[in-house]
Amino acid sequence: MILRVMAWLIMLVGGSVLGFWLDLRFFQPFLYSPLFHILSLLPGIILLRLVLQASRNTGRFLARAGREGNIPHFETNRLVTAGYYACMRHPMHFGLLFFPLSIALILGSVSFILFIAPAEMVFMIGMIKFIEEPQAIRKFGQEYSVYKSRVPMFSLKWTCMKSLFNREKSGQDHQDSSR
């Protein structure tokens, strides 16, 4: 868990610093443009709100449906295939993919928006594919392999997006059945 938090900090702080450094060298007119910053700020705030909402929704759902017994707080011991996880295998990660872009838009860094955030998003997809998924297969075995063959890693279906990014009305918006 500590390594993941450190990786996020490195990506966000490092991306910000590198973005501003590149902006100073190649995109100075945008760096000093109040109009550009105003135009990028609102989409950044909206996107950040969506990212946080998706993380909150899926985190709460996973805490209810993916835990059985007395286990550490951020751990799961049940494969969750219902609710958000019926649409896509990694709904929380899908939301978090847009975190670097939201920060880049809020900061108004052209380099961060155009180059660094997309590179970080590709890196995150690689981490999911090559680290998270093999861990899930080791943890849940054949059950996860079957789930993986039925459900895409990410989905852009409207119903899936709507439930992922909407505010939960209650804790019972999604079924707690996980099989």
N, C-alpha and C. Protein backbone atom coordinates (compact mmCIF):
# COMPACT_ATOMS: atom_id res chain seq x y z
N MET A 1 0.83 -1.19 0.00
CA MET A 1 0.00 0.00 0.00
C MET A 1 0.87 1.26 0.00
N ILE A 2 1.92 1.25 0.81
CA ILE A 2 2.82 2.40 0.88
C ILE A 2 3.49 2.64 -0.47
N LEU A 3 3.87 1.57 -1.16
CA LEU A 3 4.49 1.72 -2.47
C LEU A 3 3.54 2.34 -3.48
N ARG A 4 2.26 1.99 -3.40
CA ARG A 4 1.28 2.56 -4.32
C ARG A 4 1.09 4.04 -4.07
N VAL A 5 1.02 4.42 -2.81
CA VAL A 5 0.87 5.84 -2.47
C VAL A 5 2.11 6.62 -2.94
N MET A 6 3.27 6.04 -2.75
CA MET A 6 4.50 6.69 -3.20
C MET A 6 4.52 6.83 -4.71
N ALA A 7 4.07 5.80 -5.42
CA ALA A 7 4.02 5.87 -6.89
C ALA A 7 3.09 6.99 -7.34
N TRP A 8 1.93 7.12 -6.67
CA TRP A 8 1.00 8.21 -7.00
C TRP A 8 1.65 9.56 -6.77
N LEU A 9 2.31 9.72 -5.63
CA LEU A 9 2.96 11.00 -5.33
C LEU A 9 4.04 11.33 -6.34
N ILE A 10 4.83 10.34 -6.71
CA ILE A 10 5.88 10.55 -7.70
C ILE A 10 5.27 10.97 -9.03
N MET A 11 4.19 10.28 -9.43
CA MET A 11 3.57 10.62 -10.72
C MET A 11 2.98 12.03 -10.68
N LEU A 12 2.27 12.38 -9.62
CA LEU A 12 1.60 13.68 -9.58
C LEU A 12 2.58 14.83 -9.35
N VAL A 13 3.46 14.69 -8.36
CA VAL A 13 4.42 15.76 -8.09
C VAL A 13 5.46 15.82 -9.21
N GLY A 14 5.98 14.65 -9.58
CA GLY A 14 6.96 14.62 -10.67
C GLY A 14 6.39 15.11 -11.98
N GLY A 15 5.16 14.71 -12.27
CA GLY A 15 4.51 15.17 -13.49
C GLY A 15 4.30 16.66 -13.49
N SER A 16 3.94 17.20 -12.34
CA SER A 16 3.74 18.65 -12.21
C SER A 16 5.04 19.40 -12.44
N VAL A 17 6.08 18.98 -11.76
CA VAL A 17 7.38 19.65 -11.87
C VAL A 17 7.91 19.53 -13.31
N LEU A 18 7.89 18.33 -13.85
CA LEU A 18 8.36 18.14 -15.22
C LEU A 18 7.51 18.94 -16.21
N GLY A 19 6.20 18.96 -15.99
CA GLY A 19 5.30 19.72 -16.87
C GLY A 19 5.64 21.20 -16.87
N PHE A 20 5.84 21.77 -15.69
CA PHE A 20 6.18 23.20 -15.62
C PHE A 20 7.56 23.48 -16.22
N TRP A 21 8.50 22.59 -16.00
CA TRP A 21 9.82 22.76 -16.58
C TRP A 21 9.73 22.75 -18.11
N LEU A 22 8.98 21.78 -18.66
CA LEU A 22 8.81 21.73 -20.11
C LEU A 22 8.03 22.95 -20.62
N ASP A 23 7.03 23.38 -19.86
CA ASP A 23 6.27 24.57 -20.25
C ASP A 23 7.17 25.80 -20.32
N LEU A 24 8.08 25.93 -19.36
CA LEU A 24 9.02 27.07 -19.38
C LEU A 24 9.89 27.05 -20.63
N ARG A 25 10.22 25.86 -21.10
CA ARG A 25 11.10 25.73 -22.26
C ARG A 25 10.36 25.82 -23.59
N PHE A 26 9.15 25.22 -23.66
CA PHE A 26 8.49 25.08 -24.95
C PHE A 26 7.11 25.72 -25.08
N PHE A 27 6.46 25.99 -23.97
CA PHE A 27 5.07 26.49 -24.02
C PHE A 27 4.88 27.73 -23.15
N GLN A 28 5.87 28.64 -23.15
CA GLN A 28 5.78 29.82 -22.30
C GLN A 28 4.53 30.66 -22.50
N PRO A 29 4.06 30.85 -23.74
CA PRO A 29 2.84 31.67 -23.89
C PRO A 29 1.65 31.11 -23.10
N PHE A 30 1.52 29.79 -23.04
CA PHE A 30 0.41 29.19 -22.29
C PHE A 30 0.65 29.29 -20.79
N LEU A 31 1.90 29.18 -20.39
CA LEU A 31 2.25 29.22 -18.97
C LEU A 31 1.83 30.55 -18.35
N TYR A 32 1.93 31.63 -19.12
CA TYR A 32 1.61 32.95 -18.60
C TYR A 32 0.26 33.48 -19.08
N SER A 33 -0.58 32.59 -19.61
CA SER A 33 -1.87 33.00 -20.14
C SER A 33 -2.99 32.76 -19.12
N PRO A 34 -3.54 33.82 -18.53
CA PRO A 34 -4.66 33.64 -17.59
C PRO A 34 -5.87 32.98 -18.27
N LEU A 35 -6.10 33.31 -19.53
CA LEU A 35 -7.24 32.74 -20.24
C LEU A 35 -7.11 31.22 -20.36
N PHE A 36 -5.93 30.74 -20.70
CA PHE A 36 -5.72 29.29 -20.79
C PHE A 36 -5.95 28.62 -19.44
N HIS A 37 -5.44 29.22 -18.39
CA HIS A 37 -5.59 28.65 -17.05
C HIS A 37 -7.05 28.64 -16.60
N ILE A 38 -7.77 29.69 -16.92
CA ILE A 38 -9.20 29.72 -16.58
C ILE A 38 -9.95 28.65 -17.37
N LEU A 39 -9.63 28.50 -18.66
CA LEU A 39 -10.31 27.51 -19.51
C LEU A 39 -9.97 26.08 -19.13
N SER A 40 -8.80 25.84 -18.59
CA SER A 40 -8.44 24.47 -18.20
C SER A 40 -8.86 24.15 -16.77
N LEU A 41 -9.04 25.17 -15.94
CA LEU A 41 -9.37 24.95 -14.53
C LEU A 41 -10.73 24.28 -14.34
N LEU A 42 -11.76 24.77 -14.98
CA LEU A 42 -13.10 24.21 -14.79
C LEU A 42 -13.19 22.74 -15.22
N PRO A 43 -12.71 22.38 -16.43
CA PRO A 43 -12.73 20.94 -16.77
C PRO A 43 -11.90 20.10 -15.79
N GLY A 44 -10.80 20.67 -15.29
CA GLY A 44 -9.97 19.95 -14.32
C GLY A 44 -10.71 19.68 -13.02
N ILE A 45 -11.43 20.68 -12.54
CA ILE A 45 -12.20 20.52 -11.31
C ILE A 45 -13.33 19.51 -11.50
N ILE A 46 -14.02 19.61 -12.64
CA ILE A 46 -15.11 18.66 -12.93
C ILE A 46 -14.56 17.24 -13.01
N LEU A 47 -13.46 17.07 -13.74
CA LEU A 47 -12.86 15.74 -13.88
C LEU A 47 -12.38 15.21 -12.53
N LEU A 48 -11.77 16.05 -11.72
CA LEU A 48 -11.32 15.62 -10.39
C LEU A 48 -12.50 15.18 -9.54
N ARG A 49 -13.58 15.90 -9.62
CA ARG A 49 -14.79 15.52 -8.87
C ARG A 49 -15.29 14.15 -9.31
N LEU A 50 -15.29 13.90 -10.62
CA LEU A 50 -15.72 12.59 -11.14
C LEU A 50 -14.78 11.48 -10.68
N VAL A 51 -13.48 11.75 -10.72
CA VAL A 51 -12.49 10.77 -10.27
C VAL A 51 -12.72 10.42 -8.80
N LEU A 52 -12.89 11.42 -7.98
CA LEU A 52 -13.09 11.18 -6.55
C LEU A 52 -14.42 10.47 -6.29
N GLN A 53 -15.45 10.79 -7.07
CA GLN A 53 -16.75 10.12 -6.91
C GLN A 53 -16.64 8.64 -7.27
N ALA A 54 -15.98 8.34 -8.38
CA ALA A 54 -15.81 6.95 -8.79
C ALA A 54 -15.00 6.17 -7.75
N SER A 55 -13.95 6.78 -7.24
CA SER A 55 -13.13 6.12 -6.23
C SER A 55 -13.93 5.87 -4.95
N ARG A 56 -14.70 6.85 -4.56
CA ARG A 56 -15.52 6.71 -3.36
C ARG A 56 -16.57 5.62 -3.55
N ASN A 57 -17.29 5.66 -4.68
CA ASN A 57 -18.33 4.66 -4.95
C ASN A 57 -17.77 3.25 -4.94
N THR A 58 -16.71 3.04 -5.70
CA THR A 58 -16.17 1.69 -5.82
C THR A 58 -15.48 1.24 -4.54
N GLY A 59 -14.83 2.16 -3.85
CA GLY A 59 -14.17 1.81 -2.59
C GLY A 59 -15.16 1.35 -1.54
N ARG A 60 -16.25 2.08 -1.41
CA ARG A 60 -17.28 1.69 -0.44
C ARG A 60 -17.92 0.37 -0.82
N PHE A 61 -18.21 0.21 -2.09
CA PHE A 61 -18.84 -1.03 -2.55
C PHE A 61 -17.91 -2.21 -2.31
N LEU A 62 -16.65 -2.05 -2.67
CA LEU A 62 -15.68 -3.13 -2.49
C LEU A 62 -15.48 -3.46 -1.02
N ALA A 63 -15.50 -2.45 -0.15
CA ALA A 63 -15.35 -2.70 1.29
C ALA A 63 -16.51 -3.53 1.82
N ARG A 64 -17.71 -3.33 1.28
CA ARG A 64 -18.88 -4.11 1.72
C ARG A 64 -18.88 -5.51 1.11
N ALA A 65 -18.65 -5.58 -0.19
CA ALA A 65 -18.85 -6.84 -0.90
C ALA A 65 -17.60 -7.73 -0.96
N GLY A 66 -16.42 -7.14 -0.80
CA GLY A 66 -15.19 -7.91 -0.99
C GLY A 66 -14.51 -8.38 0.27
N ARG A 67 -15.14 -8.15 1.40
CA ARG A 67 -14.51 -8.50 2.67
C ARG A 67 -15.40 -9.45 3.45
N GLU A 68 -14.80 -10.50 3.92
CA GLU A 68 -15.51 -11.46 4.75
C GLU A 68 -14.62 -11.78 5.94
N GLY A 69 -15.14 -11.61 7.12
CA GLY A 69 -14.36 -11.89 8.31
C GLY A 69 -13.53 -10.69 8.73
N ASN A 70 -12.59 -10.94 9.62
CA ASN A 70 -11.75 -9.88 10.17
C ASN A 70 -10.42 -9.86 9.41
N ILE A 71 -10.33 -8.97 8.43
CA ILE A 71 -9.11 -8.84 7.64
C ILE A 71 -8.68 -7.38 7.64
N PRO A 72 -7.42 -7.09 7.30
CA PRO A 72 -6.95 -5.70 7.30
C PRO A 72 -7.83 -4.79 6.43
N HIS A 73 -7.84 -3.52 6.76
CA HIS A 73 -8.78 -2.54 6.20
C HIS A 73 -8.81 -2.49 4.67
N PHE A 74 -7.71 -2.42 4.01
CA PHE A 74 -7.70 -2.26 2.55
C PHE A 74 -7.59 -3.59 1.80
N GLU A 75 -7.79 -4.68 2.48
CA GLU A 75 -7.69 -6.01 1.87
C GLU A 75 -9.08 -6.51 1.48
N THR A 76 -9.10 -7.44 0.52
CA THR A 76 -10.34 -8.14 0.16
C THR A 76 -10.03 -9.64 0.18
N ASN A 77 -11.06 -10.43 0.41
CA ASN A 77 -10.87 -11.87 0.36
C ASN A 77 -12.00 -12.56 -0.40
N ARG A 78 -12.83 -11.75 -1.05
CA ARG A 78 -13.89 -12.29 -1.91
C ARG A 78 -13.81 -11.61 -3.26
N LEU A 79 -13.97 -12.40 -4.31
CA LEU A 79 -13.99 -11.84 -5.66
C LEU A 79 -15.34 -11.17 -5.88
N VAL A 80 -15.32 -9.90 -6.20
CA VAL A 80 -16.54 -9.15 -6.41
C VAL A 80 -16.80 -9.06 -7.91
N THR A 81 -17.97 -9.55 -8.33
CA THR A 81 -18.33 -9.55 -9.74
C THR A 81 -19.68 -8.88 -9.98
N ALA A 82 -20.24 -8.28 -8.97
CA ALA A 82 -21.55 -7.63 -9.08
C ALA A 82 -21.36 -6.12 -9.02
N GLY A 83 -22.46 -5.38 -9.18
CA GLY A 83 -22.41 -3.93 -9.09
C GLY A 83 -21.51 -3.34 -10.15
N TYR A 84 -20.64 -2.43 -9.75
CA TYR A 84 -19.71 -1.80 -10.69
C TYR A 84 -18.83 -2.84 -11.37
N TYR A 85 -18.53 -3.90 -10.65
CA TYR A 85 -17.62 -4.93 -11.13
C TYR A 85 -18.28 -5.88 -12.14
N ALA A 86 -19.57 -5.74 -12.35
CA ALA A 86 -20.25 -6.49 -13.41
C ALA A 86 -20.03 -5.82 -14.75
N CYS A 87 -19.76 -4.52 -14.75
CA CYS A 87 -19.51 -3.74 -15.97
C CYS A 87 -18.06 -3.85 -16.44
N MET A 88 -17.15 -3.76 -15.48
CA MET A 88 -15.72 -3.79 -15.80
C MET A 88 -14.96 -4.34 -14.61
N ARG A 89 -13.80 -4.93 -14.92
CA ARG A 89 -13.02 -5.56 -13.84
C ARG A 89 -12.33 -4.54 -12.93
N HIS A 90 -12.06 -3.36 -13.43
CA HIS A 90 -11.29 -2.38 -12.65
C HIS A 90 -11.96 -1.01 -12.65
N PRO A 91 -13.16 -0.91 -12.09
CA PRO A 91 -13.84 0.39 -12.12
C PRO A 91 -13.13 1.47 -11.30
N MET A 92 -12.53 1.11 -10.17
CA MET A 92 -11.82 2.12 -9.38
C MET A 92 -10.60 2.62 -10.16
N HIS A 93 -9.87 1.71 -10.76
CA HIS A 93 -8.72 2.11 -11.55
C HIS A 93 -9.13 2.95 -12.76
N PHE A 94 -10.28 2.62 -13.34
CA PHE A 94 -10.76 3.40 -14.48
C PHE A 94 -10.94 4.86 -14.07
N GLY A 95 -11.58 5.07 -12.94
CA GLY A 95 -11.74 6.44 -12.46
C GLY A 95 -10.40 7.10 -12.17
N LEU A 96 -9.53 6.36 -11.49
CA LEU A 96 -8.23 6.92 -11.11
C LEU A 96 -7.31 7.17 -12.30
N LEU A 97 -7.58 6.53 -13.43
CA LEU A 97 -6.77 6.80 -14.63
C LEU A 97 -6.79 8.28 -14.99
N PHE A 98 -7.89 8.95 -14.68
CA PHE A 98 -8.06 10.34 -15.06
C PHE A 98 -7.56 11.32 -14.01
N PHE A 99 -7.03 10.81 -12.91
CA PHE A 99 -6.51 11.66 -11.84
C PHE A 99 -5.35 12.54 -12.32
N PRO A 100 -4.33 11.98 -12.99
CA PRO A 100 -3.25 12.85 -13.47
C PRO A 100 -3.74 13.92 -14.44
N LEU A 101 -4.66 13.57 -15.32
CA LEU A 101 -5.18 14.55 -16.27
C LEU A 101 -5.94 15.66 -15.55
N SER A 102 -6.72 15.30 -14.54
CA SER A 102 -7.45 16.33 -13.80
C SER A 102 -6.49 17.29 -13.11
N ILE A 103 -5.44 16.78 -12.53
CA ILE A 103 -4.44 17.64 -11.87
C ILE A 103 -3.74 18.51 -12.91
N ALA A 104 -3.41 17.92 -14.06
CA ALA A 104 -2.76 18.69 -15.13
C ALA A 104 -3.64 19.84 -15.61
N LEU A 105 -4.94 19.57 -15.75
CA LEU A 105 -5.87 20.62 -16.17
C LEU A 105 -5.99 21.71 -15.11
N ILE A 106 -6.07 21.31 -13.85
CA ILE A 106 -6.16 22.29 -12.76
C ILE A 106 -4.91 23.17 -12.73
N LEU A 107 -3.75 22.55 -12.91
CA LEU A 107 -2.50 23.32 -12.90
C LEU A 107 -2.32 24.14 -14.18
N GLY A 108 -2.97 23.73 -15.25
CA GLY A 108 -2.86 24.45 -16.51
C GLY A 108 -1.51 24.27 -17.18
N SER A 109 -0.92 23.10 -17.03
CA SER A 109 0.37 22.81 -17.64
C SER A 109 0.16 22.08 -18.97
N VAL A 110 0.50 22.74 -20.06
CA VAL A 110 0.30 22.16 -21.39
C VAL A 110 1.07 20.85 -21.54
N SER A 111 2.30 20.84 -21.09
CA SER A 111 3.12 19.63 -21.20
C SER A 111 2.53 18.47 -20.39
N PHE A 112 2.06 18.79 -19.20
CA PHE A 112 1.44 17.77 -18.35
C PHE A 112 0.16 17.25 -19.01
N ILE A 113 -0.64 18.15 -19.57
CA ILE A 113 -1.90 17.76 -20.21
C ILE A 113 -1.65 16.90 -21.45
N LEU A 114 -0.75 17.35 -22.32
CA LEU A 114 -0.57 16.69 -23.62
C LEU A 114 0.35 15.48 -23.61
N PHE A 115 1.34 15.47 -22.73
CA PHE A 115 2.35 14.41 -22.80
C PHE A 115 2.46 13.57 -21.52
N ILE A 116 2.59 14.23 -20.38
CA ILE A 116 2.91 13.50 -19.16
C ILE A 116 1.69 12.74 -18.63
N ALA A 117 0.53 13.39 -18.54
CA ALA A 117 -0.67 12.68 -18.03
C ALA A 117 -1.02 11.48 -18.91
N PRO A 118 -1.03 11.62 -20.25
CA PRO A 118 -1.30 10.42 -21.06
C PRO A 118 -0.27 9.31 -20.85
N ALA A 119 1.01 9.69 -20.70
CA ALA A 119 2.04 8.67 -20.44
C ALA A 119 1.80 7.99 -19.10
N GLU A 120 1.40 8.76 -18.09
CA GLU A 120 1.10 8.17 -16.79
C GLU A 120 -0.13 7.27 -16.87
N MET A 121 -1.10 7.63 -17.68
CA MET A 121 -2.30 6.79 -17.84
C MET A 121 -1.92 5.45 -18.49
N VAL A 122 -1.06 5.50 -19.50
CA VAL A 122 -0.60 4.26 -20.15
C VAL A 122 0.19 3.42 -19.15
N PHE A 123 1.03 4.06 -18.35
CA PHE A 123 1.79 3.37 -17.32
C PHE A 123 0.85 2.66 -16.34
N MET A 124 -0.21 3.36 -15.92
CA MET A 124 -1.17 2.78 -14.98
C MET A 124 -1.89 1.58 -15.60
N ILE A 125 -2.24 1.66 -16.86
CA ILE A 125 -2.89 0.52 -17.53
C ILE A 125 -1.92 -0.67 -17.55
N GLY A 126 -0.65 -0.40 -17.82
CA GLY A 126 0.36 -1.46 -17.79
C GLY A 126 0.49 -2.08 -16.41
N MET A 127 0.46 -1.27 -15.37
CA MET A 127 0.54 -1.78 -14.01
C MET A 127 -0.66 -2.68 -13.69
N ILE A 128 -1.83 -2.27 -14.14
CA ILE A 128 -3.03 -3.08 -13.92
C ILE A 128 -2.89 -4.41 -14.64
N LYS A 129 -2.48 -4.34 -15.90
CA LYS A 129 -2.39 -5.54 -16.74
C LYS A 129 -1.31 -6.51 -16.25
N PHE A 130 -0.16 -5.97 -15.88
CA PHE A 130 0.98 -6.84 -15.58
C PHE A 130 1.25 -7.07 -14.09
N ILE A 131 0.59 -6.34 -13.21
CA ILE A 131 0.78 -6.56 -11.77
C ILE A 131 -0.54 -6.92 -11.10
N GLU A 132 -1.56 -6.06 -11.23
CA GLU A 132 -2.84 -6.29 -10.55
C GLU A 132 -3.52 -7.58 -11.02
N GLU A 133 -3.61 -7.75 -12.33
CA GLU A 133 -4.33 -8.92 -12.86
C GLU A 133 -3.64 -10.24 -12.48
N PRO A 134 -2.32 -10.36 -12.62
CA PRO A 134 -1.68 -11.61 -12.17
C PRO A 134 -1.86 -11.85 -10.67
N GLN A 135 -1.87 -10.78 -9.87
CA GLN A 135 -2.12 -10.95 -8.43
C GLN A 135 -3.53 -11.48 -8.20
N ALA A 136 -4.49 -10.95 -8.95
CA ALA A 136 -5.89 -11.42 -8.80
C ALA A 136 -6.02 -12.88 -9.22
N ILE A 137 -5.31 -13.28 -10.25
CA ILE A 137 -5.35 -14.68 -10.69
C ILE A 137 -4.74 -15.58 -9.61
N ARG A 138 -3.62 -15.15 -9.02
CA ARG A 138 -3.02 -15.94 -7.93
C ARG A 138 -3.95 -16.02 -6.73
N LYS A 139 -4.64 -14.94 -6.44
CA LYS A 139 -5.49 -14.86 -5.26
C LYS A 139 -6.80 -15.64 -5.44
N PHE A 140 -7.44 -15.51 -6.61
CA PHE A 140 -8.77 -16.08 -6.81
C PHE A 140 -8.80 -17.23 -7.82
N GLY A 141 -7.67 -17.51 -8.47
CA GLY A 141 -7.55 -18.67 -9.35
C GLY A 141 -8.49 -18.68 -10.54
N GLN A 142 -9.04 -19.86 -10.81
CA GLN A 142 -9.90 -20.08 -11.96
C GLN A 142 -11.12 -19.16 -11.95
N GLU A 143 -11.63 -18.87 -10.78
CA GLU A 143 -12.81 -18.00 -10.67
C GLU A 143 -12.52 -16.63 -11.30
N TYR A 144 -11.31 -16.09 -11.07
CA TYR A 144 -10.96 -14.81 -11.67
C TYR A 144 -10.74 -14.96 -13.17
N SER A 145 -10.15 -16.06 -13.59
CA SER A 145 -9.93 -16.28 -15.02
C SER A 145 -11.24 -16.31 -15.79
N VAL A 146 -12.26 -16.96 -15.23
CA VAL A 146 -13.58 -16.99 -15.86
C VAL A 146 -14.17 -15.59 -15.90
N TYR A 147 -14.08 -14.88 -14.79
CA TYR A 147 -14.56 -13.50 -14.72
C TYR A 147 -13.85 -12.63 -15.75
N LYS A 148 -12.54 -12.80 -15.87
CA LYS A 148 -11.73 -12.03 -16.81
C LYS A 148 -12.16 -12.30 -18.26
N SER A 149 -12.58 -13.51 -18.55
CA SER A 149 -13.01 -13.84 -19.92
C SER A 149 -14.39 -13.26 -20.24
N ARG A 150 -15.19 -12.97 -19.22
CA ARG A 150 -16.55 -12.45 -19.42
C ARG A 150 -16.64 -10.93 -19.36
N VAL A 151 -15.82 -10.30 -18.55
CA VAL A 151 -15.96 -8.87 -18.25
C VAL A 151 -14.71 -8.13 -18.72
N PRO A 152 -14.89 -7.02 -19.46
CA PRO A 152 -13.72 -6.27 -19.94
C PRO A 152 -12.99 -5.55 -18.80
N MET A 153 -11.73 -5.23 -19.04
CA MET A 153 -10.94 -4.49 -18.06
C MET A 153 -11.61 -3.15 -17.77
N PHE A 154 -12.03 -2.44 -18.83
CA PHE A 154 -12.73 -1.17 -18.72
C PHE A 154 -13.89 -1.18 -19.69
N SER A 155 -14.91 -0.39 -19.41
CA SER A 155 -16.08 -0.31 -20.29
C SER A 155 -16.52 1.14 -20.40
N LEU A 156 -16.90 1.52 -21.62
CA LEU A 156 -17.40 2.88 -21.85
C LEU A 156 -18.91 2.89 -22.07
N LYS A 157 -19.59 1.80 -21.71
CA LYS A 157 -21.04 1.77 -21.84
C LYS A 157 -21.65 2.85 -20.96
N TRP A 158 -22.66 3.53 -21.49
CA TRP A 158 -23.28 4.64 -20.79
C TRP A 158 -23.79 4.24 -19.40
N THR A 159 -24.47 3.11 -19.31
CA THR A 159 -25.02 2.69 -18.01
C THR A 159 -23.91 2.45 -17.00
N CYS A 160 -22.82 1.92 -17.47
CA CYS A 160 -21.67 1.67 -16.59
C CYS A 160 -21.07 3.00 -16.12
N MET A 161 -20.86 3.92 -17.06
CA MET A 161 -20.29 5.23 -16.71
C MET A 161 -21.21 5.99 -15.77
N LYS A 162 -22.50 5.93 -16.04
CA LYS A 162 -23.47 6.66 -15.22
C LYS A 162 -23.44 6.17 -13.77
N SER A 163 -23.43 4.86 -13.58
CA SER A 163 -23.41 4.35 -12.21
C SER A 163 -22.07 4.61 -11.53
N LEU A 164 -20.99 4.55 -12.29
CA LEU A 164 -19.66 4.74 -11.72
C LEU A 164 -19.44 6.17 -11.24
N PHE A 165 -19.89 7.14 -12.02
CA PHE A 165 -19.60 8.53 -11.70
C PHE A 165 -20.73 9.26 -10.97
N ASN A 166 -21.88 8.63 -10.82
CA ASN A 166 -22.98 9.26 -10.08
C ASN A 166 -22.78 9.11 -8.59
N ARG A 167 -23.37 10.03 -7.87
CA ARG A 167 -23.34 9.96 -6.41
C ARG A 167 -24.29 8.85 -5.97
N GLU A 168 -23.82 7.97 -5.11
CA GLU A 168 -24.69 6.90 -4.57
C GLU A 168 -25.78 7.53 -3.72
N LYS A 169 -27.00 7.09 -3.94
CA LYS A 169 -28.13 7.59 -3.15
C LYS A 169 -28.19 6.88 -1.80
N SER A 170 -27.77 5.63 -1.78
CA SER A 170 -27.77 4.88 -0.52
C SER A 170 -26.75 3.77 -0.64
N GLY A 171 -26.52 3.12 0.45
CA GLY A 171 -25.58 2.01 0.44
C GLY A 171 -26.13 0.78 -0.27
N GLN A 172 -27.40 0.80 -0.65
CA GLN A 172 -28.01 -0.38 -1.30
C GLN A 172 -28.21 -0.17 -2.79
N ASP A 173 -27.54 0.80 -3.42
CA ASP A 173 -27.72 1.04 -4.84
C ASP A 173 -27.25 -0.14 -5.69
N HIS A 174 -26.34 -0.88 -5.18
CA HIS A 174 -25.80 -2.03 -5.93
C HIS A 174 -25.92 -3.27 -5.06
N GLN A 175 -26.17 -4.38 -5.73
CA GLN A 175 -26.27 -5.64 -4.99
C GLN A 175 -24.96 -5.96 -4.32
N ASP A 176 -25.04 -6.57 -3.16
CA ASP A 176 -23.83 -6.98 -2.47
C ASP A 176 -23.43 -8.41 -2.83
N SER A 177 -24.18 -9.06 -3.70
CA SER A 177 -23.79 -10.43 -4.07
C SER A 177 -22.56 -10.37 -4.94
N SER A 178 -21.65 -11.20 -4.71
CA SER A 178 -20.39 -11.15 -5.43
C SER A 178 -20.11 -12.38 -6.25
N ARG A 179 -21.07 -13.22 -6.40
CA ARG A 179 -20.82 -14.41 -7.22
C ARG A 179 -21.89 -14.61 -8.22
